[in-house]
Structure formats: structure tokens, C-alpha cells
């Protein structure tokens, strides 16, 4: 108990974020602390399906590893996200540490939620682009509408829109969910 009393209180948003309990649904987005409620049932169903399809593919094609939320992706000091799915190529596995991924994942899948969709579509998309994420997939879980962005000369280009299909260039695979 004495150790808790002697510790100085957090002074920055980053220190507050770092002091949150493990498993807290919180992200640091452009140095703003963003907390979210638990995902909806449709969000979880679609997340489980996409994750299962990708894991099954990776068992037969061990080209990298996948992680699902809550899992911290430390892009920089002001951006620590918890994407729904991140994929890291085998050559980049050194970015994975015990407290999360440090640096850009190769592929990110975000399922939109009512409380955080504006971040996924704007600030997080911009940060993923800035940090060199090769593919960014946005999925609307209730309609299964999908938008796929691919990094081209440092800029995301919308290259794929569909319903219920993620067509990954990086993995050279279609995932129908």
C-alpha cells in the first residue's frame, strides 16, 4: 500500500494511458484518451468469423502472425491503438513485444462500432497511412460492407469495396465471411 501512495500521479495523457489496468478498452489517438464500451454482438460474430478464416489460412501458409483486440499497437508516443485484427509478416515479427506491437502492422482490419467509427475512418486511418500499414480493411459488421485500402507510394488508395469479402493483396487471398 505504501508503494501506491508514494508514486506520483500521472502527469501526461500517455502516463494515464500506461497506468490503465490490463484489458482496458482504451486507445491513445493523436494524444487523446479514447475509451469504448464492449463491442456489440454483431461485431463479435463478424470478428470471430474473419479471425477464424485468417487463422485457418495461416496454418496452411505460415507467412506471419495474427493478433486480435484487445491488443496494443504502438505506432508512436501519441498513438497506441487496439485494432480488431492485426497481421504481421514473418520478416516483421521482431516488432512484437510482450506489451504489444511496436511499429506498423502489415495489415489491419477494423470493424466499425458506434462509439469509435469516426476514429477508424479518420484519425486512425491517417495514422496507419502515415506509419506505413500496407493494407487497411474497414468492415461494417451489421451490413458486412467492406472497404479495402492499399498503400501506394505512401498514400492509401481505396481499391476494394464489397459485401462480405476481404480480398487481401498482401495475403493473396479472398476471405468470404
C-alpha atoms as a PDB file:
ATOM      1  CA  UNK A   1       0.000   0.000   0.000  1.00  0.00           C
ATOM      2  CA  UNK A   2       2.852   2.420   0.795  1.00  0.00           C
ATOM      3  CA  UNK A   3       4.260   1.948  -2.723  1.00  0.00           C
ATOM      4  CA  UNK A   4       0.987   3.152  -4.221  1.00  0.00           C
ATOM      5  CA  UNK A   5       0.902   6.255  -2.052  1.00  0.00           C
ATOM      6  CA  UNK A   6       4.498   7.228  -2.859  1.00  0.00           C
ATOM      7  CA  UNK A   7       4.053   7.041  -6.637  1.00  0.00           C
ATOM      8  CA  UNK A   8       3.467  10.432  -8.214  1.00  0.00           C
ATOM      9  CA  UNK A   9       0.174  10.812 -10.096  1.00  0.00           C
ATOM     10  CA  UNK A  10       0.273  10.623 -13.897  1.00  0.00           C
ATOM     11  CA  UNK A  11       1.098  14.000 -15.458  1.00  0.00           C
ATOM     12  CA  UNK A  12       0.543  13.337 -19.158  1.00  0.00           C
ATOM     13  CA  UNK A  13      -2.172  11.595 -21.149  1.00  0.00           C
ATOM     14  CA  UNK A  14       0.404   8.952 -22.104  1.00  0.00           C
ATOM     15  CA  UNK A  15       1.173   8.294 -18.421  1.00  0.00           C
ATOM     16  CA  UNK A  16      -2.567   7.947 -17.728  1.00  0.00           C
ATOM     17  CA  UNK A  17      -2.867   5.509 -20.655  1.00  0.00           C
ATOM     18  CA  UNK A  18       0.144   3.475 -19.461  1.00  0.00           C
ATOM     19  CA  UNK A  19      -1.366   3.264 -15.945  1.00  0.00           C
ATOM     20  CA  UNK A  20      -4.693   1.773 -17.100  1.00  0.00           C
ATOM     21  CA  UNK A  21      -5.405  -1.802 -15.972  1.00  0.00           C
ATOM     22  CA  UNK A  22      -4.630  -4.628 -18.401  1.00  0.00           C
ATOM     23  CA  UNK A  23      -7.521  -5.320 -20.768  1.00  0.00           C
ATOM     24  CA  UNK A  24      -8.999  -1.819 -20.571  1.00  0.00           C
ATOM     25  CA  UNK A  25     -10.750  -0.940 -23.811  1.00  0.00           C
ATOM     26  CA  UNK A  26      -8.869   2.292 -24.396  1.00  0.00           C
ATOM     27  CA  UNK A  27      -6.754   3.784 -27.144  1.00  0.00           C
ATOM     28  CA  UNK A  28      -4.447   6.732 -27.414  1.00  0.00           C
ATOM     29  CA  UNK A  29      -5.432   8.515 -30.631  1.00  0.00           C
ATOM     30  CA  UNK A  30      -3.417  11.619 -31.545  1.00  0.00           C
ATOM     31  CA  UNK A  31      -2.640  12.032 -27.812  1.00  0.00           C
ATOM     32  CA  UNK A  32      -6.321  11.813 -26.757  1.00  0.00           C
ATOM     33  CA  UNK A  33      -7.519   9.012 -24.500  1.00  0.00           C
ATOM     34  CA  UNK A  34     -10.494   7.265 -26.127  1.00  0.00           C
ATOM     35  CA  UNK A  35     -12.386   4.664 -24.127  1.00  0.00           C
ATOM     36  CA  UNK A  36     -15.007   2.371 -25.622  1.00  0.00           C
ATOM     37  CA  UNK A  37     -17.755   0.101 -24.403  1.00  0.00           C
ATOM     38  CA  UNK A  38     -17.633  -3.623 -25.139  1.00  0.00           C
ATOM     39  CA  UNK A  39     -18.276  -4.472 -28.795  1.00  0.00           C
ATOM     40  CA  UNK A  40     -21.772  -5.368 -29.996  1.00  0.00           C
ATOM     41  CA  UNK A  41     -22.823  -8.952 -30.674  1.00  0.00           C
ATOM     42  CA  UNK A  42     -22.771  -8.482 -34.471  1.00  0.00           C
ATOM     43  CA  UNK A  43     -19.266  -7.003 -34.164  1.00  0.00           C
ATOM     44  CA  UNK A  44     -18.073 -10.062 -32.227  1.00  0.00           C
ATOM     45  CA  UNK A  45     -19.699 -12.549 -34.615  1.00  0.00           C
ATOM     46  CA  UNK A  46     -18.078 -10.982 -37.688  1.00  0.00           C
ATOM     47  CA  UNK A  47     -14.741 -10.572 -35.879  1.00  0.00           C
ATOM     48  CA  UNK A  48     -14.731 -14.244 -34.896  1.00  0.00           C
ATOM     49  CA  UNK A  49     -15.542 -15.312 -38.457  1.00  0.00           C
ATOM     50  CA  UNK A  50     -12.833 -13.191 -40.123  1.00  0.00           C
ATOM     51  CA  UNK A  51     -10.263 -14.187 -37.496  1.00  0.00           C
ATOM     52  CA  UNK A  52     -11.109 -17.883 -37.956  1.00  0.00           C
ATOM     53  CA  UNK A  53     -10.737 -17.640 -41.741  1.00  0.00           C
ATOM     54  CA  UNK A  54      -7.406 -15.847 -41.484  1.00  0.00           C
ATOM     55  CA  UNK A  55      -6.056 -18.215 -38.822  1.00  0.00           C
ATOM     56  CA  UNK A  56      -7.057 -21.233 -40.903  1.00  0.00           C
ATOM     57  CA  UNK A  57      -5.294 -19.742 -43.928  1.00  0.00           C
ATOM     58  CA  UNK A  58      -2.156 -19.001 -41.887  1.00  0.00           C
ATOM     59  CA  UNK A  59      -1.997 -22.551 -40.525  1.00  0.00           C
ATOM     60  CA  UNK A  60      -1.502 -23.776 -44.093  1.00  0.00           C
ATOM     61  CA  UNK A  61       0.564 -20.745 -45.138  1.00  0.00           C
ATOM     62  CA  UNK A  62       2.820 -19.722 -42.217  1.00  0.00           C
ATOM     63  CA  UNK A  63       3.841 -16.335 -43.610  1.00  0.00           C
ATOM     64  CA  UNK A  64       3.209 -14.335 -40.444  1.00  0.00           C
ATOM     65  CA  UNK A  65       1.107 -13.988 -37.319  1.00  0.00           C
ATOM     66  CA  UNK A  66      -2.238 -12.510 -36.399  1.00  0.00           C
ATOM     67  CA  UNK A  67      -3.459 -10.825 -33.197  1.00  0.00           C
ATOM     68  CA  UNK A  68      -6.947  -9.706 -32.167  1.00  0.00           C
ATOM     69  CA  UNK A  69      -8.241  -6.969 -29.870  1.00  0.00           C
ATOM     70  CA  UNK A  70      -7.659  -6.031 -27.229  1.00  0.00           C
ATOM     71  CA  UNK A  71      -4.019  -5.867 -28.353  1.00  0.00           C
ATOM     72  CA  UNK A  72      -1.955  -2.694 -28.276  1.00  0.00           C
ATOM     73  CA  UNK A  73      -0.289  -1.423 -31.430  1.00  0.00           C
ATOM     74  CA  UNK A  74       2.241   1.279 -30.502  1.00  0.00           C
ATOM     75  CA  UNK A  75       2.652   3.408 -33.620  1.00  0.00           C
ATOM     76  CA  UNK A  76       4.338   6.291 -31.803  1.00  0.00           C
ATOM     77  CA  UNK A  77       4.200   8.130 -28.462  1.00  0.00           C
ATOM     78  CA  UNK A  78       0.793   9.679 -29.264  1.00  0.00           C
ATOM     79  CA  UNK A  79      -0.892   6.728 -30.996  1.00  0.00           C
ATOM     80  CA  UNK A  80      -1.497   3.371 -29.338  1.00  0.00           C
ATOM     81  CA  UNK A  81      -4.434   1.622 -30.991  1.00  0.00           C
ATOM     82  CA  UNK A  82      -6.339  -1.590 -30.339  1.00  0.00           C
ATOM     83  CA  UNK A  83      -7.330  -2.721 -33.848  1.00  0.00           C
ATOM     84  CA  UNK A  84      -9.719  -5.636 -34.170  1.00  0.00           C
ATOM     85  CA  UNK A  85      -7.224  -7.695 -36.203  1.00  0.00           C
ATOM     86  CA  UNK A  86      -3.564  -7.105 -36.996  1.00  0.00           C
ATOM     87  CA  UNK A  87      -1.361  -9.224 -39.230  1.00  0.00           C
ATOM     88  CA  UNK A  88       2.430  -9.110 -39.185  1.00  0.00           C
ATOM     89  CA  UNK A  89       4.578 -10.748 -41.855  1.00  0.00           C
ATOM     90  CA  UNK A  90       7.233 -13.213 -40.669  1.00  0.00           C
ATOM     91  CA  UNK A  91      10.006 -10.744 -41.577  1.00  0.00           C
ATOM     92  CA  UNK A  92       8.500  -8.195 -39.169  1.00  0.00           C
ATOM     93  CA  UNK A  93       7.814 -10.408 -36.136  1.00  0.00           C
ATOM     94  CA  UNK A  94      10.586  -8.619 -34.213  1.00  0.00           C
ATOM     95  CA  UNK A  95       8.070  -5.769 -33.777  1.00  0.00           C
ATOM     96  CA  UNK A  96       6.048  -7.997 -31.434  1.00  0.00           C
ATOM     97  CA  UNK A  97       6.820  -7.471 -27.738  1.00  0.00           C
ATOM     98  CA  UNK A  98       5.136  -8.659 -24.576  1.00  0.00           C
ATOM     99  CA  UNK A  99       3.168  -5.404 -24.273  1.00  0.00           C
ATOM    100  CA  UNK A 100       2.049  -5.351 -27.919  1.00  0.00           C
ATOM    101  CA  UNK A 101       3.280  -4.496 -31.376  1.00  0.00           C
ATOM    102  CA  UNK A 102       5.767  -1.641 -31.724  1.00  0.00           C
ATOM    103  CA  UNK A 103       5.582  -0.197 -35.206  1.00  0.00           C
ATOM    104  CA  UNK A 104       3.190  -0.612 -38.091  1.00  0.00           C
ATOM    105  CA  UNK A 105       1.459  -3.933 -38.688  1.00  0.00           C
ATOM    106  CA  UNK A 106       1.402  -5.078 -42.289  1.00  0.00           C
ATOM    107  CA  UNK A 107      -2.389  -5.448 -42.383  1.00  0.00           C
ATOM    108  CA  UNK A 108      -5.153  -4.067 -40.140  1.00  0.00           C
ATOM    109  CA  UNK A 109      -8.856  -4.942 -40.006  1.00  0.00           C
ATOM    110  CA  UNK A 110     -11.179  -2.591 -38.111  1.00  0.00           C
ATOM    111  CA  UNK A 111     -14.835  -3.409 -37.535  1.00  0.00           C
ATOM    112  CA  UNK A 112     -16.853  -0.258 -37.076  1.00  0.00           C
ATOM    113  CA  UNK A 113     -18.530   0.353 -33.728  1.00  0.00           C
ATOM    114  CA  UNK A 114     -20.988   3.153 -32.956  1.00  0.00           C
ATOM    115  CA  UNK A 115     -18.661   4.802 -30.437  1.00  0.00           C
ATOM    116  CA  UNK A 116     -15.403   4.610 -32.386  1.00  0.00           C
ATOM    117  CA  UNK A 117     -16.207   4.507 -36.119  1.00  0.00           C
ATOM    118  CA  UNK A 118     -15.333   8.188 -36.618  1.00  0.00           C
ATOM    119  CA  UNK A 119     -11.797   7.426 -35.371  1.00  0.00           C
ATOM    120  CA  UNK A 120     -11.434   4.317 -37.566  1.00  0.00           C
ATOM    121  CA  UNK A 121     -12.482   6.285 -40.648  1.00  0.00           C
ATOM    122  CA  UNK A 122     -10.396   9.382 -39.943  1.00  0.00           C
ATOM    123  CA  UNK A 123      -7.613   9.749 -37.340  1.00  0.00           C
ATOM    124  CA  UNK A 124      -6.690   6.058 -37.169  1.00  0.00           C
ATOM    125  CA  UNK A 125      -6.786   5.667 -40.951  1.00  0.00           C
ATOM    126  CA  UNK A 126      -4.495   8.697 -41.290  1.00  0.00           C
ATOM    127  CA  UNK A 127      -2.090   7.335 -38.662  1.00  0.00           C
ATOM    128  CA  UNK A 128      -1.993   3.882 -40.283  1.00  0.00           C
ATOM    129  CA  UNK A 129      -1.211   5.529 -43.618  1.00  0.00           C
ATOM    130  CA  UNK A 130       1.463   7.787 -42.085  1.00  0.00           C
ATOM    131  CA  UNK A 131       3.167   4.819 -40.403  1.00  0.00           C
ATOM    132  CA  UNK A 132       3.163   2.566 -43.463  1.00  0.00           C
ATOM    133  CA  UNK A 133       0.447  -0.053 -42.887  1.00  0.00           C
ATOM    134  CA  UNK A 134       0.263  -1.839 -46.252  1.00  0.00           C
ATOM    135  CA  UNK A 135      -3.440  -2.776 -46.125  1.00  0.00           C
ATOM    136  CA  UNK A 136      -6.307  -1.318 -44.117  1.00  0.00           C
ATOM    137  CA  UNK A 137      -9.705  -3.004 -44.106  1.00  0.00           C
ATOM    138  CA  UNK A 138     -12.814  -1.376 -42.692  1.00  0.00           C
ATOM    139  CA  UNK A 139     -15.832  -3.622 -42.092  1.00  0.00           C
ATOM    140  CA  UNK A 140     -19.343  -2.531 -41.129  1.00  0.00           C
ATOM    141  CA  UNK A 141     -20.455  -5.577 -39.087  1.00  0.00           C
ATOM    142  CA  UNK A 142     -24.233  -5.290 -39.456  1.00  0.00           C
ATOM    143  CA  UNK A 143     -24.222  -4.941 -43.274  1.00  0.00           C
ATOM    144  CA  UNK A 144     -20.832  -6.631 -43.875  1.00  0.00           C
ATOM    145  CA  UNK A 145     -19.868  -3.785 -46.211  1.00  0.00           C
ATOM    146  CA  UNK A 146     -16.109  -3.696 -46.720  1.00  0.00           C
ATOM    147  CA  UNK A 147     -13.664  -1.032 -47.846  1.00  0.00           C
ATOM    148  CA  UNK A 148     -10.074  -2.029 -48.577  1.00  0.00           C
ATOM    149  CA  UNK A 149      -7.249   0.493 -48.722  1.00  0.00           C
ATOM    150  CA  UNK A 150      -3.798  -0.308 -50.080  1.00  0.00           C
ATOM    151  CA  UNK A 151      -0.713   1.794 -49.533  1.00  0.00           C
ATOM    152  CA  UNK A 152       0.618   3.141 -52.813  1.00  0.00           C
ATOM    153  CA  UNK A 153       3.629   5.496 -52.666  1.00  0.00           C
ATOM    154  CA  UNK A 154       2.824   6.303 -49.032  1.00  0.00           C
ATOM    155  CA  UNK A 155      -0.858   7.089 -49.660  1.00  0.00           C
ATOM    156  CA  UNK A 156      -3.913   4.886 -49.061  1.00  0.00           C
ATOM    157  CA  UNK A 157      -5.976   4.218 -52.163  1.00  0.00           C
ATOM    158  CA  UNK A 158      -9.447   2.734 -51.971  1.00  0.00           C
ATOM    159  CA  UNK A 159      -9.015  -0.362 -54.099  1.00  0.00           C
ATOM    160  CA  UNK A 160     -11.801  -2.669 -52.990  1.00  0.00           C
ATOM    161  CA  UNK A 161     -15.431  -2.318 -51.969  1.00  0.00           C
ATOM    162  CA  UNK A 162     -17.621  -5.350 -51.475  1.00  0.00           C
ATOM    163  CA  UNK A 163     -20.060  -7.039 -49.148  1.00  0.00           C
ATOM    164  CA  UNK A 164     -18.821  -9.942 -47.042  1.00  0.00           C
ATOM    165  CA  UNK A 165     -15.450 -10.266 -48.809  1.00  0.00           C
ATOM    166  CA  UNK A 166     -11.965  -9.136 -47.839  1.00  0.00           C
ATOM    167  CA  UNK A 167      -9.638  -9.535 -50.824  1.00  0.00           C
ATOM    168  CA  UNK A 168      -6.138  -9.177 -49.435  1.00  0.00           C
ATOM    169  CA  UNK A 169      -3.342  -8.410 -51.867  1.00  0.00           C
ATOM    170  CA  UNK A 170      -0.775  -8.973 -49.150  1.00  0.00           C
ATOM    171  CA  UNK A 171      -2.078 -12.460 -48.359  1.00  0.00           C
ATOM    172  CA  UNK A 172      -3.141 -13.102 -51.974  1.00  0.00           C
ATOM    173  CA  UNK A 173      -6.427 -14.477 -50.689  1.00  0.00           C
ATOM    174  CA  UNK A 174     -10.154 -13.740 -50.562  1.00  0.00           C
ATOM    175  CA  UNK A 175     -11.904 -14.201 -47.237  1.00  0.00           C
ATOM    176  CA  UNK A 176     -15.673 -14.604 -47.587  1.00  0.00           C
ATOM    177  CA  UNK A 177     -17.417 -14.077 -44.278  1.00  0.00           C
END
